[in-house]
Amino acid sequence: MEEYRLLWAVVGFVIIGGGLAIALSYGLRAAALGLACLTAGASTLLGLWFILVLLERVSRD
């Protein structure tokens, strides 16, 4: 269960923290594009995590 919370904390930090950093540095227009890119990166992270969990479950059986 701890792994799930850590995963969501990292994804939230990437999207929210990264979006705020971009907004403070470059403005709101850049933050909109940055959030799109950060969301794509976070979804890639989620996809890799899902594959690893799936492989772990398959290897147990």
C-alpha atoms as a PDB file:
ATOM      1  CA  MET A   1       0.000   0.000   0.000  1.00  0.00           C
ATOM      2  CA  GLU A   2       2.893   2.313   0.738  1.00  0.00           C
ATOM      3  CA  GLU A   3       4.094   1.936  -2.866  1.00  0.00           C
ATOM      4  CA  TYR A   4       0.813   3.328  -4.185  1.00  0.00           C
ATOM      5  CA  ARG A   5       0.988   6.388  -1.961  1.00  0.00           C
ATOM      6  CA  LEU A   6       4.604   7.024  -2.922  1.00  0.00           C
ATOM      7  CA  LEU A   7       3.764   6.673  -6.618  1.00  0.00           C
ATOM      8  CA  TRP A   8       0.913   9.184  -6.368  1.00  0.00           C
ATOM      9  CA  ALA A   9       3.074  11.529  -4.329  1.00  0.00           C
ATOM     10  CA  VAL A  10       5.758  11.485  -7.029  1.00  0.00           C
ATOM     11  CA  VAL A  11       3.235  11.955  -9.831  1.00  0.00           C
ATOM     12  CA  GLY A  12       1.590  14.813  -7.955  1.00  0.00           C
ATOM     13  CA  PHE A  13       4.925  16.441  -7.224  1.00  0.00           C
ATOM     14  CA  VAL A  14       5.984  16.176 -10.871  1.00  0.00           C
ATOM     15  CA  ILE A  15       2.769  17.703 -12.182  1.00  0.00           C
ATOM     16  CA  ILE A  16       1.964  20.250  -9.466  1.00  0.00           C
ATOM     17  CA  GLY A  17       5.501  21.130  -8.421  1.00  0.00           C
ATOM     18  CA  GLY A  18       6.767  21.246 -11.970  1.00  0.00           C
ATOM     19  CA  GLY A  19       3.782  23.260 -13.135  1.00  0.00           C
ATOM     20  CA  LEU A  20       4.255  25.792 -10.369  1.00  0.00           C
ATOM     21  CA  ALA A  21       7.982  26.061 -11.077  1.00  0.00           C
ATOM     22  CA  ILE A  22       7.317  26.699 -14.764  1.00  0.00           C
ATOM     23  CA  ALA A  23       4.557  29.192 -13.983  1.00  0.00           C
ATOM     24  CA  LEU A  24       6.756  31.143 -11.584  1.00  0.00           C
ATOM     25  CA  SER A  25       9.708  31.136 -13.956  1.00  0.00           C
ATOM     26  CA  TYR A  26       8.085  31.668 -17.349  1.00  0.00           C
ATOM     27  CA  GLY A  27       4.453  32.633 -16.830  1.00  0.00           C
ATOM     28  CA  LEU A  28       1.045  31.035 -17.210  1.00  0.00           C
ATOM     29  CA  ARG A  29       1.160  30.500 -20.973  1.00  0.00           C
ATOM     30  CA  ALA A  30       4.346  28.481 -20.679  1.00  0.00           C
ATOM     31  CA  ALA A  31       2.892  26.612 -17.714  1.00  0.00           C
ATOM     32  CA  ALA A  32      -0.018  25.406 -19.856  1.00  0.00           C
ATOM     33  CA  LEU A  33       2.359  23.786 -22.336  1.00  0.00           C
ATOM     34  CA  GLY A  34       4.575  22.608 -19.510  1.00  0.00           C
ATOM     35  CA  LEU A  35       1.664  20.897 -17.777  1.00  0.00           C
ATOM     36  CA  ALA A  36       0.867  19.023 -20.969  1.00  0.00           C
ATOM     37  CA  CYS A  37       4.452  17.790 -21.166  1.00  0.00           C
ATOM     38  CA  LEU A  38       4.598  17.004 -17.440  1.00  0.00           C
ATOM     39  CA  THR A  39       1.366  15.037 -17.682  1.00  0.00           C
ATOM     40  CA  ALA A  40       2.790  13.002 -20.557  1.00  0.00           C
ATOM     41  CA  GLY A  41       5.897  12.293 -18.505  1.00  0.00           C
ATOM     42  CA  ALA A  42       3.857  11.318 -15.460  1.00  0.00           C
ATOM     43  CA  SER A  43       1.708   8.982 -17.554  1.00  0.00           C
ATOM     44  CA  THR A  44       4.887   7.339 -18.857  1.00  0.00           C
ATOM     45  CA  LEU A  45       5.982   6.865 -15.250  1.00  0.00           C
ATOM     46  CA  LEU A  46       2.611   5.318 -14.412  1.00  0.00           C
ATOM     47  CA  GLY A  47       2.844   3.015 -17.417  1.00  0.00           C
ATOM     48  CA  LEU A  48       6.297   1.783 -16.433  1.00  0.00           C
ATOM     49  CA  TRP A  49       5.150   1.248 -12.852  1.00  0.00           C
ATOM     50  CA  PHE A  50       2.148  -0.733 -14.090  1.00  0.00           C
ATOM     51  CA  ILE A  51       4.387  -2.963 -16.208  1.00  0.00           C
ATOM     52  CA  LEU A  52       6.685  -3.620 -13.242  1.00  0.00           C
ATOM     53  CA  VAL A  53       3.739  -4.500 -10.988  1.00  0.00           C
ATOM     54  CA  LEU A  54       2.363  -6.807 -13.652  1.00  0.00           C
ATOM     55  CA  LEU A  55       5.736  -8.568 -14.048  1.00  0.00           C
ATOM     56  CA  GLU A  56       6.008  -8.932 -10.275  1.00  0.00           C
ATOM     57  CA  ARG A  57       2.612 -10.581 -10.051  1.00  0.00           C
ATOM     58  CA  VAL A  58       3.331 -12.903 -12.975  1.00  0.00           C
ATOM     59  CA  SER A  59       6.673 -13.974 -11.504  1.00  0.00           C
ATOM     60  CA  ARG A  60       5.078 -14.853  -8.137  1.00  0.00           C
ATOM     61  CA  ASP A  61       2.775 -17.456  -9.654  1.00  0.00           C
END
